[in-house]
Amino acid sequence: MSGDAAHRDERLGAALRALGAPRHRAGFFADLERRLAAEGAGDVAVPRRRFRRPALAWAVRLAVAAGCLAAAVSLLEVAGSRSVRPQLATAARIQADVRASLAGLRTLSGVLVAEGPREGGVRRWRFALTASGDVRLEGPGAGEVIAYDAAFGVVRSAQRSASLGGGPLFYAERSGVAPGPPDAGPPSLPLLQELGAYTRALLAARDPRVRAATYEGRPAWRLDVDVAPNAIVPDLSADRLEITVDRATALPVRVVERRRGALLGELRLERLAVDRPLPADAFRPAFPAGAEVLRSDDGFRRVSLGEVAHAVGYAPLVPGWVPDGYELAEVAVADVARPTGTEAGNPPSRMVVSLSYRRGLDQLLVTTRLAASGESWSDPLATGEGFVDRPEQVVLGHGALRGVEAELVVAPRGIPHLWARGDDLVVTVGGDVDRDELLRVADSLERR
C-alpha cells in the first residue's frame, strides 16, 4: 500500500468513526468472526441481490458503512494485518464492550492474583460477586473468608490478625451495613477495589494505546493507560497501567502497574466463571459451633421506599430517571452514620438515606443526609489522600435541586460522582455512569 493510500484510508476511517453509529452489543464481533469463519469453512455461497433505496438518508448509509468498517477492521486485526492502524476505533469499541459486559453480568467468580515487587510475592484469593451486590472473598490464608449478604446488609468474616502475621482465626459479624459509598459499605479486598479503580481508568481514558495480545491462551487486547501517580508517595504509585481485556468476555483480566517503566506490581484474574449459578449459602458462611463472634452494627436498616420519610423525618430525594438497565435494589436508612470524606473529615452523618440501583455488576447510589447550619462539608466521595480531584462546578437546572451549585468529579481512580449541599441536605449521586448521566440523574431528583 502506498503512503498516500494509507493516509487516505486513515482519513476515511477517522471520518467514519466520528459518525454517531449505534454501539454493538457485547460479544458482537466475536460472534461475527465465528459466523464468518463457519461460512468460510463451509464455502457458503451468498447470492447477490440488488436493492434500490433512493429515499434512504445518507446519514443512515454512512452509519451502516461505519459499522461495516468497524467489523472489517476487527477481522483485519484478528488476521494480523499491518496495513491498517485502527487504534482509536478499537479503543472505543473495547471500552464500549467492557461497559456492556459489566452491565450484563449476573455473577462473576474466579481467582484474584497479586504478584510483583510491591506485593512481596504471590498471593491468591477466590472471589464471587453477584448483580445483587453480594460479595465473597476467600484467602489468602487457609480458612480465611469474608462475605456480604446484600439482602440483609450483613458481613460475616473469619480472618487472622494482620498485626500478628497469622495465628488463630477471629470471627466477626457486622450488621446494618450501608449499600455503598460514601458510607462504609460492603467489604472489599483493597486489591479488588484497585482492580475496580483500574477499570474506571480504562473507561475514562480518552486515547489508550491498543495492541493485540493473548491471555491464558485466549485472544485479548492490551491497552496502555497513562495515569497521575499519588502525590504523597509518587515513587510507589503507577504512572502507567497496562490493562489486558479478554476478547470473549470483554472483561479486564490483568493489570500491570509501572512507574517510569519499572514494574510495581501485577493483578490478574484467573479461572473466571461468568454467570455461573452460585450456592444459596455462599454469602452466609457458617461459624464453627461454640466460636466466639465479635458482633457490631453500622446502623443502617433496610426499609421500603414508602417507609423512608417516616424513618428519617423528611421526604427523600428520589431520581425520576436512571440510565437504562438500572433498577432499585436496596433502600437503607440510618439515624447516625460514620463521617464521610477523605480521612472522614466531614461531620457525623445524621438521618441518612441510601438508594442503591444496580445493573449487572454496575452500581449507582443516591444518598441524602441532614446538614445543620454552620457545618462545613467537603466532597463525601473524594478519591482519596494523595490524589487531587479537579471538580467541575455546575448549577443544576431542574428538579428539587434546581439552582443549587454542585461539584461534578469524573476522575480515573475515583468513583464518578456529583455532590451538592442544599438548604438542609447533603446529596451525592455516584457510581458507574458518565458525566451526562450524573447530571441527568441529579436534575431528575424530586422529593417523595
Protein backbone atom coordinates (compact mmCIF):
# COMPACT_ATOMS: atom_id res chain seq x y z
CA MET A 1 0.00 0.00 0.00
CA SER A 2 1.42 3.38 -0.92
CA GLY A 3 1.89 6.15 1.63
CA ASP A 4 -0.82 8.31 0.02
CA ALA A 5 -3.27 5.43 0.10
CA ALA A 6 -2.51 4.76 3.76
CA HIS A 7 -3.17 8.40 4.68
CA ARG A 8 -6.33 8.36 2.57
CA ASP A 9 -7.61 5.25 4.35
CA GLU A 10 -6.80 6.68 7.78
CA ARG A 11 -8.67 9.91 6.95
CA LEU A 12 -11.64 7.94 5.65
CA GLY A 13 -11.61 5.71 8.73
CA ALA A 14 -11.43 8.72 11.07
CA ALA A 15 -14.38 10.36 9.31
CA LEU A 16 -16.49 7.21 9.52
CA ARG A 17 -15.56 6.62 13.18
CA ALA A 18 -16.72 10.14 14.03
CA LEU A 19 -20.28 9.27 12.97
CA GLY A 20 -22.82 8.55 15.69
CA ALA A 21 -23.30 4.90 14.83
CA PRO A 22 -25.06 2.82 17.50
CA ARG A 23 -22.95 0.63 19.76
CA HIS A 24 -22.79 -3.09 19.13
CA ARG A 25 -23.78 -5.43 21.94
CA ALA A 26 -21.03 -7.06 23.99
CA GLY A 27 -19.52 -10.01 22.11
CA PHE A 28 -20.89 -8.90 18.71
CA PHE A 29 -17.52 -9.01 16.98
CA ALA A 30 -16.55 -12.38 18.45
CA ASP A 31 -19.87 -13.83 17.21
CA LEU A 32 -19.36 -12.21 13.81
CA GLU A 33 -15.89 -13.70 13.48
CA ARG A 34 -17.14 -17.17 14.41
CA ARG A 35 -20.00 -16.97 11.90
CA LEU A 36 -17.75 -15.74 9.12
CA ALA A 37 -15.24 -18.48 9.89
CA ALA A 38 -18.02 -21.09 9.82
CA GLU A 39 -19.32 -19.80 6.49
CA GLY A 40 -15.82 -19.76 5.06
CA ALA A 41 -15.18 -23.33 6.16
CA GLY A 42 -18.40 -24.47 4.51
CA ASP A 43 -17.79 -22.47 1.35
CA VAL A 44 -21.25 -20.95 1.66
CA ALA A 45 -22.29 -19.06 -1.44
CA VAL A 46 -24.11 -15.80 -0.70
CA PRO A 47 -26.42 -14.78 -3.56
CA ARG A 48 -26.08 -11.23 -4.75
CA ARG A 49 -29.12 -9.03 -4.67
CA ARG A 50 -29.60 -5.55 -5.93
CA PHE A 51 -31.64 -3.15 -3.87
CA ARG A 52 -32.70 0.35 -4.72
CA ARG A 53 -33.45 2.70 -1.87
CA PRO A 54 -33.21 6.19 -3.35
CA ALA A 55 -35.01 7.71 -0.37
CA LEU A 56 -32.60 6.24 2.20
CA ALA A 57 -30.95 9.06 4.17
CA TRP A 58 -27.20 9.49 3.65
CA ALA A 59 -26.75 9.56 7.42
CA VAL A 60 -28.18 6.05 7.67
CA ARG A 61 -25.99 4.82 4.81
CA LEU A 62 -22.87 6.23 6.41
CA ALA A 63 -23.80 4.82 9.82
CA VAL A 64 -24.15 1.37 8.29
CA ALA A 65 -20.87 1.89 6.46
CA ALA A 66 -19.20 2.83 9.73
CA GLY A 67 -20.45 -0.37 11.35
CA CYS A 68 -19.23 -2.43 8.40
CA LEU A 69 -15.85 -0.70 8.55
CA ALA A 70 -15.55 -1.46 12.27
CA ALA A 71 -16.34 -5.12 11.58
CA ALA A 72 -13.82 -5.22 8.74
CA VAL A 73 -11.19 -3.59 10.93
CA SER A 74 -11.84 -6.19 13.63
CA LEU A 75 -11.32 -9.04 11.17
CA LEU A 76 -8.16 -7.47 9.79
CA GLU A 77 -6.78 -7.14 13.30
CA VAL A 78 -7.55 -10.77 14.05
CA ALA A 79 -5.78 -11.76 10.86
CA GLY A 80 -2.74 -9.74 11.91
CA SER A 81 -2.99 -7.22 9.09
CA ARG A 82 -0.41 -4.46 9.27
CA SER A 83 -1.91 -2.32 6.54
CA VAL A 84 -4.41 -0.56 8.80
CA ARG A 85 -3.93 1.01 12.21
CA PRO A 86 -7.40 1.17 13.83
CA GLN A 87 -6.26 2.11 17.34
CA LEU A 88 -8.80 4.86 18.00
CA ALA A 89 -11.80 2.84 16.79
CA THR A 90 -10.57 -0.29 18.56
CA ALA A 91 -10.10 1.55 21.86
CA ALA A 92 -13.61 3.00 21.70
CA ARG A 93 -15.09 -0.39 20.86
CA ILE A 94 -13.21 -2.13 23.66
CA GLN A 95 -14.40 0.48 26.16
CA ALA A 96 -17.98 0.08 24.94
CA ASP A 97 -17.75 -3.72 25.17
CA VAL A 98 -16.33 -3.55 28.72
CA ARG A 99 -19.21 -1.31 29.79
CA ALA A 100 -21.76 -3.62 28.21
CA SER A 101 -20.16 -6.71 29.74
CA LEU A 102 -20.15 -5.33 33.27
CA ALA A 103 -23.74 -4.16 32.88
CA GLY A 104 -24.93 -7.57 31.68
CA LEU A 105 -23.29 -9.87 34.22
CA ARG A 106 -25.37 -11.70 36.81
CA THR A 107 -22.49 -13.46 38.60
CA LEU A 108 -18.72 -13.43 38.33
CA SER A 109 -16.30 -15.71 40.15
CA GLY A 110 -12.68 -16.73 39.88
CA VAL A 111 -9.27 -16.22 41.45
CA LEU A 112 -7.58 -12.86 42.06
CA VAL A 113 -3.79 -12.99 42.00
CA ALA A 114 -1.43 -10.26 43.22
CA GLU A 115 2.22 -10.53 42.27
CA GLY A 116 5.29 -8.34 42.00
CA PRO A 117 7.95 -6.47 43.93
CA ARG A 118 5.44 -4.24 45.67
CA GLU A 119 3.30 -7.19 46.76
CA GLY A 120 6.20 -9.17 48.23
CA GLY A 121 5.47 -12.44 46.44
CA VAL A 122 2.35 -14.09 45.09
CA ARG A 123 -0.99 -14.05 46.90
CA ARG A 124 -4.33 -15.54 45.81
CA TRP A 125 -7.97 -15.05 46.75
CA ARG A 126 -11.06 -16.81 45.47
CA PHE A 127 -13.89 -14.35 44.87
CA ALA A 128 -17.55 -14.32 43.87
CA LEU A 129 -19.77 -11.33 43.02
CA THR A 130 -23.44 -11.04 42.08
CA ALA A 131 -25.63 -8.43 40.42
CA SER A 132 -27.49 -8.13 43.74
CA GLY A 133 -24.35 -6.78 45.40
CA ASP A 134 -23.28 -9.94 47.25
CA VAL A 135 -19.53 -10.38 47.78
CA ARG A 136 -17.43 -13.37 48.91
CA LEU A 137 -13.63 -13.44 49.31
CA GLU A 138 -11.61 -16.45 50.46
CA GLY A 139 -7.92 -16.21 51.35
CA PRO A 140 -5.13 -15.62 51.19
CA GLY A 141 -4.70 -17.95 54.18
CA ALA A 142 -6.47 -21.25 54.72
CA GLY A 143 -9.91 -20.82 56.28
CA GLU A 144 -9.99 -17.04 55.83
CA VAL A 145 -13.24 -15.75 54.34
CA ILE A 146 -15.30 -12.58 54.30
CA ALA A 147 -18.80 -12.45 52.79
CA TYR A 148 -21.54 -9.85 52.39
CA ASP A 149 -25.23 -10.68 52.09
CA ALA A 150 -26.77 -7.67 50.34
CA ALA A 151 -30.37 -8.63 51.07
CA PHE A 152 -29.80 -8.28 54.83
CA GLY A 153 -26.82 -5.90 54.93
CA VAL A 154 -24.73 -8.39 56.92
CA VAL A 155 -20.98 -9.13 56.72
CA ARG A 156 -19.57 -12.34 58.22
CA SER A 157 -15.85 -12.98 58.39
CA ALA A 158 -13.19 -15.39 59.61
CA GLN A 159 -9.76 -13.77 59.47
CA ARG A 160 -6.35 -13.86 61.09
CA SER A 161 -4.75 -10.84 62.72
CA ALA A 162 -2.64 -8.88 60.24
CA SER A 163 -0.60 -7.40 63.09
CA LEU A 164 0.29 -10.84 64.40
CA GLY A 165 1.13 -12.15 60.93
CA GLY A 166 -1.05 -15.23 61.38
CA GLY A 167 -2.35 -17.10 64.39
CA PRO A 168 -5.91 -18.28 65.05
CA LEU A 169 -8.99 -17.26 63.12
CA PHE A 170 -11.13 -14.46 64.57
CA TYR A 171 -14.85 -14.47 63.79
CA ALA A 172 -16.99 -11.36 63.34
CA GLU A 173 -20.47 -10.40 62.23
CA ARG A 174 -21.18 -6.83 61.14
CA SER A 175 -24.82 -5.95 60.56
CA GLY A 176 -26.57 -2.79 59.42
CA VAL A 177 -24.08 -2.24 56.60
CA ALA A 178 -24.72 0.60 54.14
CA PRO A 179 -25.29 -0.31 50.48
CA GLY A 180 -22.13 1.58 49.48
CA PRO A 181 -20.18 4.85 49.30
CA PRO A 182 -19.91 7.46 50.58
CA ASP A 183 -20.90 5.42 53.64
CA ALA A 184 -18.82 2.47 54.86
CA GLY A 185 -20.37 -0.23 52.74
CA PRO A 186 -19.75 -3.88 51.92
CA PRO A 187 -16.28 -5.35 52.40
CA SER A 188 -13.90 -5.40 49.52
CA LEU A 189 -10.36 -6.59 49.33
CA PRO A 190 -8.21 -3.49 48.70
CA LEU A 191 -6.75 -5.19 45.63
CA LEU A 192 -10.27 -5.83 44.29
CA GLN A 193 -11.00 -2.14 44.85
CA GLU A 194 -7.84 -1.31 42.94
CA LEU A 195 -8.99 -3.50 40.07
CA GLY A 196 -12.26 -1.57 40.02
CA ALA A 197 -10.34 1.72 40.00
CA TYR A 198 -8.18 0.48 37.13
CA THR A 199 -11.31 -0.49 35.19
CA ARG A 200 -12.68 3.03 35.69
CA ALA A 201 -9.34 4.41 34.50
CA LEU A 202 -9.65 2.30 31.36
CA LEU A 203 -13.19 3.53 30.70
CA ALA A 204 -12.24 7.16 31.33
CA ALA A 205 -9.09 7.09 29.17
CA ARG A 206 -9.51 9.27 26.09
CA ASP A 207 -6.87 7.67 23.90
CA PRO A 208 -5.47 4.42 25.29
CA ARG A 209 -2.87 2.73 23.13
CA VAL A 210 -4.06 -0.66 21.90
CA ARG A 211 -2.39 -3.81 20.68
CA ALA A 212 -3.42 -7.43 20.15
CA ALA A 213 -2.44 -9.88 22.91
CA THR A 214 -3.21 -13.28 24.39
CA TYR A 215 -4.13 -14.20 27.97
CA GLU A 216 -4.27 -17.78 29.22
CA GLY A 217 -4.17 -18.88 25.58
CA ARG A 218 -7.19 -16.75 24.59
CA PRO A 219 -7.31 -13.71 22.28
CA ALA A 220 -7.14 -10.45 24.20
CA TRP A 221 -6.42 -6.76 23.86
CA ARG A 222 -3.78 -4.81 25.76
CA LEU A 223 -4.41 -1.14 26.44
CA ASP A 224 -1.80 1.24 27.85
CA VAL A 225 -3.31 3.98 30.02
CA ASP A 226 -1.38 6.93 31.45
CA VAL A 227 -2.44 7.94 34.98
CA ALA A 228 -1.32 10.52 37.54
CA PRO A 229 0.70 8.99 40.41
CA ASN A 230 -0.20 9.56 44.04
CA ALA A 231 1.18 12.93 45.12
CA ILE A 232 2.20 11.68 48.58
CA VAL A 233 4.10 8.57 47.50
CA PRO A 234 4.82 9.19 43.80
CA ASP A 235 7.73 6.75 43.63
CA LEU A 236 5.45 3.92 44.82
CA SER A 237 2.50 4.84 42.61
CA ALA A 238 1.99 3.97 38.96
CA ASP A 239 2.13 6.47 36.13
CA ARG A 240 1.11 3.85 33.55
CA LEU A 241 -1.27 0.90 33.58
CA GLU A 242 -1.08 -1.97 31.11
CA ILE A 243 -4.61 -3.42 31.09
CA THR A 244 -5.42 -6.69 29.34
CA VAL A 245 -9.04 -7.25 28.26
CA ASP A 246 -10.25 -10.73 27.36
CA ARG A 247 -11.94 -10.54 23.96
CA ALA A 248 -14.55 -13.24 24.56
CA THR A 249 -15.91 -11.81 27.83
CA ALA A 250 -14.84 -8.15 27.38
CA LEU A 251 -13.58 -8.17 30.98
CA PRO A 252 -10.31 -6.68 32.28
CA VAL A 253 -8.30 -9.71 33.40
CA ARG A 254 -4.78 -8.38 34.02
CA VAL A 255 -3.30 -5.06 35.14
CA VAL A 256 0.42 -4.30 35.26
CA GLU A 257 1.45 -1.16 37.15
CA ARG A 258 4.60 0.68 36.12
CA ARG A 259 6.42 3.76 37.31
CA ARG A 260 8.82 5.23 34.74
CA GLY A 261 8.92 1.82 33.10
CA ALA A 262 9.79 -0.08 36.29
CA LEU A 263 7.42 -2.83 37.43
CA LEU A 264 5.47 -2.03 40.61
CA GLY A 265 3.03 -4.91 40.69
CA GLU A 266 0.52 -7.02 38.82
CA LEU A 267 -3.09 -8.00 39.39
CA ARG A 268 -4.78 -10.68 37.35
CA LEU A 269 -7.96 -12.72 37.27
CA GLU A 270 -7.74 -16.45 36.66
CA ARG A 271 -10.26 -19.24 36.19
CA LEU A 272 -13.06 -16.76 35.51
CA ALA A 273 -16.63 -18.08 35.53
CA VAL A 274 -19.28 -15.79 34.08
CA ASP A 275 -22.97 -16.11 35.08
CA ARG A 276 -22.40 -19.47 36.76
CA PRO A 277 -25.02 -20.29 39.45
CA LEU A 278 -23.67 -19.87 42.98
CA PRO A 279 -24.76 -21.79 46.11
CA ALA A 280 -27.55 -20.11 48.06
CA ASP A 281 -25.43 -20.03 51.23
CA ALA A 282 -22.25 -18.76 49.53
CA PHE A 283 -22.66 -15.33 51.13
CA ARG A 284 -23.70 -16.59 54.57
CA PRO A 285 -20.70 -18.61 55.80
CA ALA A 286 -21.35 -20.58 58.97
CA PHE A 287 -19.23 -20.19 62.09
CA PRO A 288 -17.95 -23.23 63.99
CA ALA A 289 -20.09 -24.33 66.90
CA GLY A 290 -19.04 -22.52 70.06
CA ALA A 291 -16.93 -19.92 68.22
CA GLU A 292 -16.59 -16.55 69.91
CA VAL A 293 -18.05 -14.00 67.48
CA LEU A 294 -17.47 -10.24 67.68
CA ARG A 295 -20.74 -8.54 66.70
CA SER A 296 -21.25 -4.92 65.65
CA ASP A 297 -23.93 -2.78 63.98
CA ASP A 298 -23.27 0.04 61.49
CA GLY A 299 -26.78 1.40 61.99
CA PHE A 300 -28.31 1.01 58.52
CA ARG A 301 -31.58 -0.85 58.23
CA ARG A 302 -33.39 -1.98 55.08
CA VAL A 303 -36.82 -0.44 54.51
CA SER A 304 -39.24 0.05 51.65
CA LEU A 305 -39.19 3.31 49.74
CA GLY A 306 -42.57 4.19 51.20
CA GLU A 307 -41.21 3.89 54.76
CA VAL A 308 -38.28 6.27 54.29
CA ALA A 309 -39.97 9.59 55.12
CA HIS A 310 -41.34 8.24 58.39
CA ALA A 311 -37.96 6.75 59.31
CA VAL A 312 -35.81 9.87 58.79
CA GLY A 313 -38.32 12.71 59.18
CA TYR A 314 -38.06 14.14 55.68
CA ALA A 315 -39.14 13.23 52.18
CA PRO A 316 -36.18 11.62 50.40
CA LEU A 317 -34.83 12.79 47.05
CA VAL A 318 -35.59 10.08 44.51
CA PRO A 319 -34.46 10.14 40.87
CA GLY A 320 -37.19 10.24 38.26
CA TRP A 321 -34.66 8.97 35.71
CA VAL A 322 -31.81 6.47 35.85
CA PRO A 323 -29.82 5.04 32.91
CA ASP A 324 -31.28 2.09 31.03
CA GLY A 325 -30.96 -1.21 32.85
CA TYR A 326 -30.64 0.20 36.36
CA GLU A 327 -33.21 -0.97 38.91
CA LEU A 328 -33.69 -0.06 42.56
CA ALA A 329 -32.05 -2.87 44.54
CA GLU A 330 -31.62 -1.60 48.13
CA VAL A 331 -33.16 1.12 50.27
CA ALA A 332 -31.41 1.74 53.59
CA VAL A 333 -31.69 4.39 56.31
CA ALA A 334 -29.62 5.25 59.38
CA ASP A 335 -30.24 7.65 62.25
CA VAL A 336 -26.48 8.16 62.65
CA ALA A 337 -23.57 7.04 60.46
CA ARG A 338 -19.82 7.48 60.36
CA PRO A 339 -18.36 10.69 58.89
CA THR A 340 -17.68 10.67 55.17
CA GLY A 341 -14.92 12.14 53.01
CA THR A 342 -11.15 11.85 52.87
CA GLU A 343 -9.89 10.86 56.33
CA ALA A 344 -13.54 11.11 57.48
CA GLY A 345 -13.25 14.88 57.62
CA ASN A 346 -16.97 15.69 57.46
CA PRO A 347 -19.38 15.98 60.41
CA PRO A 348 -21.09 12.79 61.59
CA SER A 349 -23.92 11.87 59.25
CA ARG A 350 -27.48 12.11 60.53
CA MET A 351 -30.71 10.75 59.13
CA VAL A 352 -29.09 9.14 56.11
CA VAL A 353 -30.96 7.69 53.15
CA SER A 354 -29.09 5.43 50.70
CA LEU A 355 -30.75 4.29 47.48
CA SER A 356 -28.80 1.64 45.57
CA TYR A 357 -29.58 0.96 41.90
CA ARG A 358 -27.95 -1.98 40.13
CA ARG A 359 -27.34 -3.05 36.55
CA GLY A 360 -25.28 -6.21 36.35
CA LEU A 361 -22.14 -5.56 38.39
CA ASP A 362 -22.63 -1.80 38.00
CA GLN A 363 -23.98 0.25 40.89
CA LEU A 364 -25.47 3.75 41.15
CA LEU A 365 -26.01 5.27 44.60
CA VAL A 366 -28.12 8.30 45.54
CA THR A 367 -27.71 9.41 49.16
CA THR A 368 -29.02 12.24 51.33
CA ARG A 369 -28.15 13.28 54.89
CA LEU A 370 -29.10 16.21 57.08
CA ALA A 371 -26.76 19.23 57.17
CA ALA A 372 -27.05 21.66 60.07
CA SER A 373 -26.48 25.38 59.66
CA GLY A 374 -22.84 26.32 60.11
CA GLU A 375 -21.46 22.86 59.37
CA SER A 376 -18.53 22.69 56.97
CA TRP A 377 -18.70 19.91 54.37
CA SER A 378 -16.24 18.71 51.75
CA ASP A 379 -16.68 16.16 48.98
CA PRO A 380 -18.06 12.97 50.63
CA LEU A 381 -16.80 10.89 47.69
CA ALA A 382 -13.32 12.38 47.26
CA THR A 383 -10.92 9.97 45.55
CA GLY A 384 -8.55 9.66 48.48
CA GLU A 385 -5.48 11.05 50.14
CA GLY A 386 -2.70 11.84 47.69
CA PHE A 387 -4.95 12.06 44.63
CA VAL A 388 -6.13 15.52 43.61
CA ASP A 389 -9.67 15.77 42.22
CA ARG A 390 -10.44 18.68 39.93
CA PRO A 391 -14.21 19.13 40.28
CA GLU A 392 -16.32 20.82 37.66
CA GLN A 393 -18.65 23.45 39.12
CA VAL A 394 -22.19 23.06 37.77
CA VAL A 395 -25.55 24.64 38.59
CA LEU A 396 -28.39 22.15 38.50
CA GLY A 397 -31.23 23.28 36.27
CA HIS A 398 -34.17 21.07 37.19
CA GLY A 399 -35.83 19.11 39.97
CA ALA A 400 -35.66 19.57 43.70
CA LEU A 401 -32.08 20.92 43.48
CA ARG A 402 -32.80 23.47 40.77
CA GLY A 403 -30.44 26.43 41.12
CA VAL A 404 -28.13 24.61 43.58
CA GLU A 405 -24.40 24.66 42.81
CA ALA A 406 -22.84 21.22 42.71
CA GLU A 407 -19.41 19.71 42.16
CA LEU A 408 -19.03 17.04 39.47
CA VAL A 409 -15.99 14.76 39.50
CA VAL A 410 -15.01 12.19 36.89
CA ALA A 411 -11.51 11.08 37.93
CA PRO A 412 -9.70 7.99 36.60
CA ARG A 413 -9.13 6.38 40.00
CA GLY A 414 -12.25 7.62 41.77
CA ILE A 415 -15.98 6.98 41.60
CA PRO A 416 -17.70 9.23 39.04
CA HIS A 417 -19.92 11.40 41.18
CA LEU A 418 -21.73 14.65 41.85
CA TRP A 419 -22.38 16.17 45.24
CA ALA A 420 -24.20 19.25 46.47
CA ARG A 421 -25.33 20.88 49.66
CA GLY A 422 -28.87 22.19 49.63
CA ASP A 423 -30.68 24.14 52.31
CA ASP A 424 -30.89 21.19 54.69
CA LEU A 425 -29.39 18.19 52.91
CA VAL A 426 -26.06 16.96 51.58
CA VAL A 427 -26.74 14.98 48.41
CA THR A 428 -24.49 12.57 46.48
CA VAL A 429 -25.02 10.81 43.18
CA GLY A 430 -22.23 8.41 42.27
CA GLY A 431 -21.42 5.16 40.55
CA ASP A 432 -20.89 3.50 37.22
CA VAL A 433 -22.23 6.28 34.99
CA ASP A 434 -20.74 9.02 32.84
CA ARG A 435 -20.79 12.80 33.21
CA ASP A 436 -24.01 13.41 31.29
CA GLU A 437 -25.81 10.64 33.14
CA LEU A 438 -24.75 12.07 36.50
CA LEU A 439 -26.21 15.43 35.57
CA ARG A 440 -29.43 13.93 34.27
CA VAL A 441 -29.95 11.84 37.41
CA ALA A 442 -29.30 14.88 39.63
CA ASP A 443 -31.67 17.04 37.58
CA SER A 444 -34.40 14.40 37.96
CA LEU A 445 -34.30 14.28 41.78
CA GLU A 446 -37.65 15.05 43.42
CA ARG A 447 -38.90 14.78 46.99
CA ARG A 448 -41.21 11.84 47.60
